[in-house]
Amino acid sequence: MPEEKKRLIEKARKMYKKIYPCGKGKTFSECFTEGNNHLLLWFNTEDDSTHIVKEIVNV
């Protein structure tokens, strides 16, 4: 997994402690969206809420 994706997962864990893949995704690899110079990680927390963290990436 690329470093930028690993960084976003760590950022989400620091913010919310326990995070889980979003929706029907079984792994975090399935929970990323890329576009317009942004990388987004979609994930759920223990209360079943969906959250997004993002990072600007170079194209």
PDB file of N, CA and C in Angstrom:
ATOM      1  N   MET A   1       0.852  -1.174   0.000  1.00  0.00           N
ATOM      2  CA  MET A   1       0.000   0.000   0.000  1.00  0.00           C
ATOM      3  C   MET A   1       0.899   1.239   0.000  1.00  0.00           C
ATOM      4  N   PRO A   2       0.591   2.218  -0.844  1.00  0.00           N
ATOM      5  CA  PRO A   2       1.401   3.448  -0.908  1.00  0.00           C
ATOM      6  C   PRO A   2       1.438   4.200   0.430  1.00  0.00           C
ATOM      7  N   GLU A   3       2.525   4.911   0.648  1.00  0.00           N
ATOM      8  CA  GLU A   3       2.732   5.643   1.899  1.00  0.00           C
ATOM      9  C   GLU A   3       1.624   6.653   2.195  1.00  0.00           C
ATOM     10  N   GLU A   4       1.110   7.347   1.136  1.00  0.00           N
ATOM     11  CA  GLU A   4       0.067   8.343   1.413  1.00  0.00           C
ATOM     12  C   GLU A   4      -1.174   7.686   2.005  1.00  0.00           C
ATOM     13  N   LYS A   5      -1.500   6.497   1.550  1.00  0.00           N
ATOM     14  CA  LYS A   5      -2.668   5.783   2.079  1.00  0.00           C
ATOM     15  C   LYS A   5      -2.417   5.327   3.517  1.00  0.00           C
ATOM     16  N   LYS A   6      -1.227   4.850   3.782  1.00  0.00           N
ATOM     17  CA  LYS A   6      -0.875   4.443   5.147  1.00  0.00           C
ATOM     18  C   LYS A   6      -0.963   5.631   6.095  1.00  0.00           C
ATOM     19  N   ARG A   7      -0.500   6.804   5.622  1.00  0.00           N
ATOM     20  CA  ARG A   7      -0.553   8.018   6.451  1.00  0.00           C
ATOM     21  C   ARG A   7      -1.992   8.399   6.791  1.00  0.00           C
ATOM     22  N   LEU A   8      -2.887   8.280   5.822  1.00  0.00           N
ATOM     23  CA  LEU A   8      -4.283   8.629   6.085  1.00  0.00           C
ATOM     24  C   LEU A   8      -4.923   7.673   7.081  1.00  0.00           C
ATOM     25  N   ILE A   9      -4.603   6.400   6.986  1.00  0.00           N
ATOM     26  CA  ILE A   9      -5.126   5.430   7.951  1.00  0.00           C
ATOM     27  C   ILE A   9      -4.620   5.762   9.345  1.00  0.00           C
ATOM     28  N   GLU A  10      -3.342   6.080   9.473  1.00  0.00           N
ATOM     29  CA  GLU A  10      -2.781   6.448  10.780  1.00  0.00           C
ATOM     30  C   GLU A  10      -3.405   7.735  11.311  1.00  0.00           C
ATOM     31  N   LYS A  11      -3.614   8.705  10.426  1.00  0.00           N
ATOM     32  CA  LYS A  11      -4.253   9.966  10.833  1.00  0.00           C
ATOM     33  C   LYS A  11      -5.653   9.687  11.388  1.00  0.00           C
ATOM     34  N   ALA A  12      -6.405   8.845  10.714  1.00  0.00           N
ATOM     35  CA  ALA A  12      -7.757   8.503  11.167  1.00  0.00           C
ATOM     36  C   ALA A  12      -7.710   7.775  12.504  1.00  0.00           C
ATOM     37  N   ARG A  13      -6.761   6.864  12.670  1.00  0.00           N
ATOM     38  CA  ARG A  13      -6.639   6.137  13.943  1.00  0.00           C
ATOM     39  C   ARG A  13      -6.278   7.066  15.086  1.00  0.00           C
ATOM     40  N   LYS A  14      -5.428   8.043  14.839  1.00  0.00           N
ATOM     41  CA  LYS A  14      -5.070   9.004  15.884  1.00  0.00           C
ATOM     42  C   LYS A  14      -6.274   9.849  16.291  1.00  0.00           C
ATOM     43  N   MET A  15      -7.129  10.163  15.318  1.00  0.00           N
ATOM     44  CA  MET A  15      -8.288  11.009  15.590  1.00  0.00           C
ATOM     45  C   MET A  15      -9.424  10.242  16.267  1.00  0.00           C
ATOM     46  N   TYR A  16      -9.639   8.977  15.866  1.00  0.00           N
ATOM     47  CA  TYR A  16     -10.827   8.246  16.310  1.00  0.00           C
ATOM     48  C   TYR A  16     -10.534   6.938  17.045  1.00  0.00           C
ATOM     49  N   LYS A  17      -9.281   6.593  17.216  1.00  0.00           N
ATOM     50  CA  LYS A  17      -8.824   5.371  17.902  1.00  0.00           C
ATOM     51  C   LYS A  17      -9.166   4.100  17.124  1.00  0.00           C
ATOM     52  N   LYS A  18     -10.436   3.674  17.138  1.00  0.00           N
ATOM     53  CA  LYS A  18     -10.831   2.452  16.436  1.00  0.00           C
ATOM     54  C   LYS A  18     -11.588   2.821  15.167  1.00  0.00           C
ATOM     55  N   ILE A  19     -11.065   2.369  14.030  1.00  0.00           N
ATOM     56  CA  ILE A  19     -11.726   2.634  12.757  1.00  0.00           C
ATOM     57  C   ILE A  19     -11.912   1.319  12.013  1.00  0.00           C
ATOM     58  N   TYR A  20     -12.910   1.313  11.127  1.00  0.00           N
ATOM     59  CA  TYR A  20     -13.261   0.109  10.386  1.00  0.00           C
ATOM     60  C   TYR A  20     -13.519   0.467   8.927  1.00  0.00           C
ATOM     61  N   PRO A  21     -13.293  -0.466   8.010  1.00  0.00           N
ATOM     62  CA  PRO A  21     -13.606  -0.189   6.601  1.00  0.00           C
ATOM     63  C   PRO A  21     -15.071   0.217   6.440  1.00  0.00           C
ATOM     64  N   CYS A  22     -15.306   1.105   5.518  1.00  0.00           N
ATOM     65  CA  CYS A  22     -16.627   1.671   5.295  1.00  0.00           C
ATOM     66  C   CYS A  22     -17.463   0.806   4.359  1.00  0.00           C
ATOM     67  N   GLY A  23     -18.753   0.757   4.613  1.00  0.00           N
ATOM     68  CA  GLY A  23     -19.686   0.076   3.720  1.00  0.00           C
ATOM     69  C   GLY A  23     -19.389  -1.397   3.583  1.00  0.00           C
ATOM     70  N   LYS A  24     -19.413  -1.879   2.343  1.00  0.00           N
ATOM     71  CA  LYS A  24     -19.195  -3.289   2.070  1.00  0.00           C
ATOM     72  C   LYS A  24     -17.714  -3.625   1.946  1.00  0.00           C
ATOM     73  N   GLY A  25     -16.860  -2.614   2.070  1.00  0.00           N
ATOM     74  CA  GLY A  25     -15.417  -2.838   1.981  1.00  0.00           C
ATOM     75  C   GLY A  25     -14.926  -3.723   3.109  1.00  0.00           C
ATOM     76  N   LYS A  26     -14.114  -4.688   2.767  1.00  0.00           N
ATOM     77  CA  LYS A  26     -13.586  -5.596   3.782  1.00  0.00           C
ATOM     78  C   LYS A  26     -12.186  -5.195   4.212  1.00  0.00           C
ATOM     79  N   THR A  27     -11.553  -4.347   3.397  1.00  0.00           N
ATOM     80  CA  THR A  27     -10.223  -3.851   3.745  1.00  0.00           C
ATOM     81  C   THR A  27     -10.191  -2.345   3.497  1.00  0.00           C
ATOM     82  N   PHE A  28      -9.246  -1.686   4.126  1.00  0.00           N
ATOM     83  CA  PHE A  28      -9.118  -0.246   3.915  1.00  0.00           C
ATOM     84  C   PHE A  28      -8.705   0.077   2.485  1.00  0.00           C
ATOM     85  N   SER A  29      -8.049  -0.845   1.803  1.00  0.00           N
ATOM     86  CA  SER A  29      -7.661  -0.610   0.408  1.00  0.00           C
ATOM     87  C   SER A  29      -8.858  -0.281  -0.464  1.00  0.00           C
ATOM     88  N   GLU A  30     -10.026  -0.760  -0.097  1.00  0.00           N
ATOM     89  CA  GLU A  30     -11.251  -0.530  -0.860  1.00  0.00           C
ATOM     90  C   GLU A  30     -11.949   0.771  -0.469  1.00  0.00           C
ATOM     91  N   CYS A  31     -11.395   1.505   0.479  1.00  0.00           N
ATOM     92  CA  CYS A  31     -12.072   2.672   1.053  1.00  0.00           C
ATOM     93  C   CYS A  31     -11.470   4.001   0.641  1.00  0.00           C
ATOM     94  N   PHE A  32     -10.681   4.024  -0.425  1.00  0.00           N
ATOM     95  CA  PHE A  32     -10.047   5.255  -0.875  1.00  0.00           C
ATOM     96  C   PHE A  32     -10.696   5.769  -2.149  1.00  0.00           C
ATOM     97  N   THR A  33     -10.750   7.107  -2.256  1.00  0.00           N
ATOM     98  CA  THR A  33     -11.182   7.777  -3.468  1.00  0.00           C
ATOM     99  C   THR A  33     -10.105   8.777  -3.834  1.00  0.00           C
ATOM    100  N   GLU A  34      -9.759   8.851  -5.118  1.00  0.00           N
ATOM    101  CA  GLU A  34      -8.758   9.801  -5.586  1.00  0.00           C
ATOM    102  C   GLU A  34      -9.362  10.696  -6.650  1.00  0.00           C
ATOM    103  N   GLY A  35      -9.040  11.992  -6.602  1.00  0.00           N
ATOM    104  CA  GLY A  35      -9.489  12.922  -7.622  1.00  0.00           C
ATOM    105  C   GLY A  35      -9.184  14.344  -7.240  1.00  0.00           C
ATOM    106  N   ASN A  36      -9.009  15.189  -8.246  1.00  0.00           N
ATOM    107  CA  ASN A  36      -8.743  16.621  -8.034  1.00  0.00           C
ATOM    108  C   ASN A  36      -7.626  16.857  -7.039  1.00  0.00           C
ATOM    109  N   ASN A  37      -6.538  16.125  -7.181  1.00  0.00           N
ATOM    110  CA  ASN A  37      -5.360  16.261  -6.322  1.00  0.00           C
ATOM    111  C   ASN A  37      -5.614  15.913  -4.861  1.00  0.00           C
ATOM    112  N   HIS A  38      -6.666  15.154  -4.576  1.00  0.00           N
ATOM    113  CA  HIS A  38      -6.974  14.740  -3.209  1.00  0.00           C
ATOM    114  C   HIS A  38      -7.071  13.226  -3.112  1.00  0.00           C
ATOM    115  N   LEU A  39      -6.655  12.717  -1.981  1.00  0.00           N
ATOM    116  CA  LEU A  39      -6.827  11.313  -1.641  1.00  0.00           C
ATOM    117  C   LEU A  39      -7.722  11.286  -0.413  1.00  0.00           C
ATOM    118  N   LEU A  40      -8.847  10.578  -0.500  1.00  0.00           N
ATOM    119  CA  LEU A  40      -9.811  10.509   0.600  1.00  0.00           C
ATOM    120  C   LEU A  40      -9.908   9.090   1.131  1.00  0.00           C
ATOM    121  N   LEU A  41      -9.991   8.979   2.440  1.00  0.00           N
ATOM    122  CA  LEU A  41     -10.219   7.700   3.104  1.00  0.00           C
ATOM    123  C   LEU A  41     -11.584   7.761   3.772  1.00  0.00           C
ATOM    124  N   TRP A  42     -12.459   6.844   3.381  1.00  0.00           N
ATOM    125  CA  TRP A  42     -13.777   6.705   3.992  1.00  0.00           C
ATOM    126  C   TRP A  42     -13.688   5.582   5.004  1.00  0.00           C
ATOM    127  N   PHE A  43     -14.238   5.804   6.200  1.00  0.00           N
ATOM    128  CA  PHE A  43     -14.173   4.760   7.224  1.00  0.00           C
ATOM    129  C   PHE A  43     -15.300   4.948   8.229  1.00  0.00           C
ATOM    130  N   ASN A  44     -15.567   3.908   8.990  1.00  0.00           N
ATOM    131  CA  ASN A  44     -16.571   3.956  10.051  1.00  0.00           C
ATOM    132  C   ASN A  44     -15.884   3.918  11.404  1.00  0.00           C
ATOM    133  N   THR A  45     -16.595   4.430  12.412  1.00  0.00           N
ATOM    134  CA  THR A  45     -16.115   4.360  13.784  1.00  0.00           C
ATOM    135  C   THR A  45     -17.027   3.421  14.570  1.00  0.00           C
ATOM    136  N   GLU A  46     -16.698   3.220  15.832  1.00  0.00           N
ATOM    137  CA  GLU A  46     -17.446   2.272  16.668  1.00  0.00           C
ATOM    138  C   GLU A  46     -18.939   2.562  16.744  1.00  0.00           C
ATOM    139  N   ASP A  47     -19.322   3.821  16.624  1.00  0.00           N
ATOM    140  CA  ASP A  47     -20.743   4.175  16.701  1.00  0.00           C
ATOM    141  C   ASP A  47     -21.448   4.057  15.351  1.00  0.00           C
ATOM    142  N   ASP A  48     -20.783   3.436  14.387  1.00  0.00           N
ATOM    143  CA  ASP A  48     -21.320   3.193  13.040  1.00  0.00           C
ATOM    144  C   ASP A  48     -21.486   4.472  12.223  1.00  0.00           C
ATOM    145  N   SER A  49     -20.755   5.530  12.593  1.00  0.00           N
ATOM    146  CA  SER A  49     -20.755   6.767  11.824  1.00  0.00           C
ATOM    147  C   SER A  49     -19.677   6.690  10.751  1.00  0.00           C
ATOM    148  N   THR A  50     -19.951   7.288   9.612  1.00  0.00           N
ATOM    149  CA  THR A  50     -18.982   7.331   8.521  1.00  0.00           C
ATOM    150  C   THR A  50     -18.234   8.658   8.564  1.00  0.00           C
ATOM    151  N   HIS A  51     -16.929   8.582   8.354  1.00  0.00           N
ATOM    152  CA  HIS A  51     -16.072   9.775   8.376  1.00  0.00           C
ATOM    153  C   HIS A  51     -15.149   9.741   7.169  1.00  0.00           C
ATOM    154  N   ILE A  52     -14.574  10.910   6.865  1.00  0.00           N
ATOM    155  CA  ILE A  52     -13.602  11.034   5.784  1.00  0.00           C
ATOM    156  C   ILE A  52     -12.424  11.837   6.288  1.00  0.00           C
ATOM    157  N   VAL A  53     -11.216  11.384   5.940  1.00  0.00           N
ATOM    158  CA  VAL A  53     -10.014  12.198   6.118  1.00  0.00           C
ATOM    159  C   VAL A  53      -9.403  12.342   4.731  1.00  0.00           C
ATOM    160  N   LYS A  54      -8.750  13.460   4.482  1.00  0.00           N
ATOM    161  CA  LYS A  54      -8.206  13.684   3.142  1.00  0.00           C
ATOM    162  C   LYS A  54      -6.801  14.252   3.211  1.00  0.00           C
ATOM    163  N   GLU A  55      -6.127  14.122   2.097  1.00  0.00           N
ATOM    164  CA  GLU A  55      -4.772  14.635   1.956  1.00  0.00           C
ATOM    165  C   GLU A  55      -4.608  15.116   0.525  1.00  0.00           C
ATOM    166  N   ILE A  56      -3.907  16.202   0.356  1.00  0.00           N
ATOM    167  CA  ILE A  56      -3.591  16.692  -0.987  1.00  0.00           C
ATOM    168  C   ILE A  56      -2.410  15.876  -1.501  1.00  0.00           C
ATOM    169  N   VAL A  57      -2.514  15.402  -2.735  1.00  0.00           N
ATOM    170  CA  VAL A  57      -1.448  14.605  -3.336  1.00  0.00           C
ATOM    171  C   VAL A  57      -0.977  15.263  -4.616  1.00  0.00           C
ATOM    172  N   ASN A  58       0.260  15.026  -4.959  1.00  0.00           N
ATOM    173  CA  ASN A  58       0.807  15.540  -6.211  1.00  0.00           C
ATOM    174  C   ASN A  58       0.403  14.641  -7.365  1.00  0.00           C
ATOM    175  N   VAL A  59       0.064  15.253  -8.461  1.00  0.00           N
ATOM    176  CA  VAL A  59      -0.344  14.484  -9.638  1.00  0.00           C
ATOM    177  C   VAL A  59       0.805  14.374 -10.601  1.00  0.00           C
TER     178      VAL A  59
END
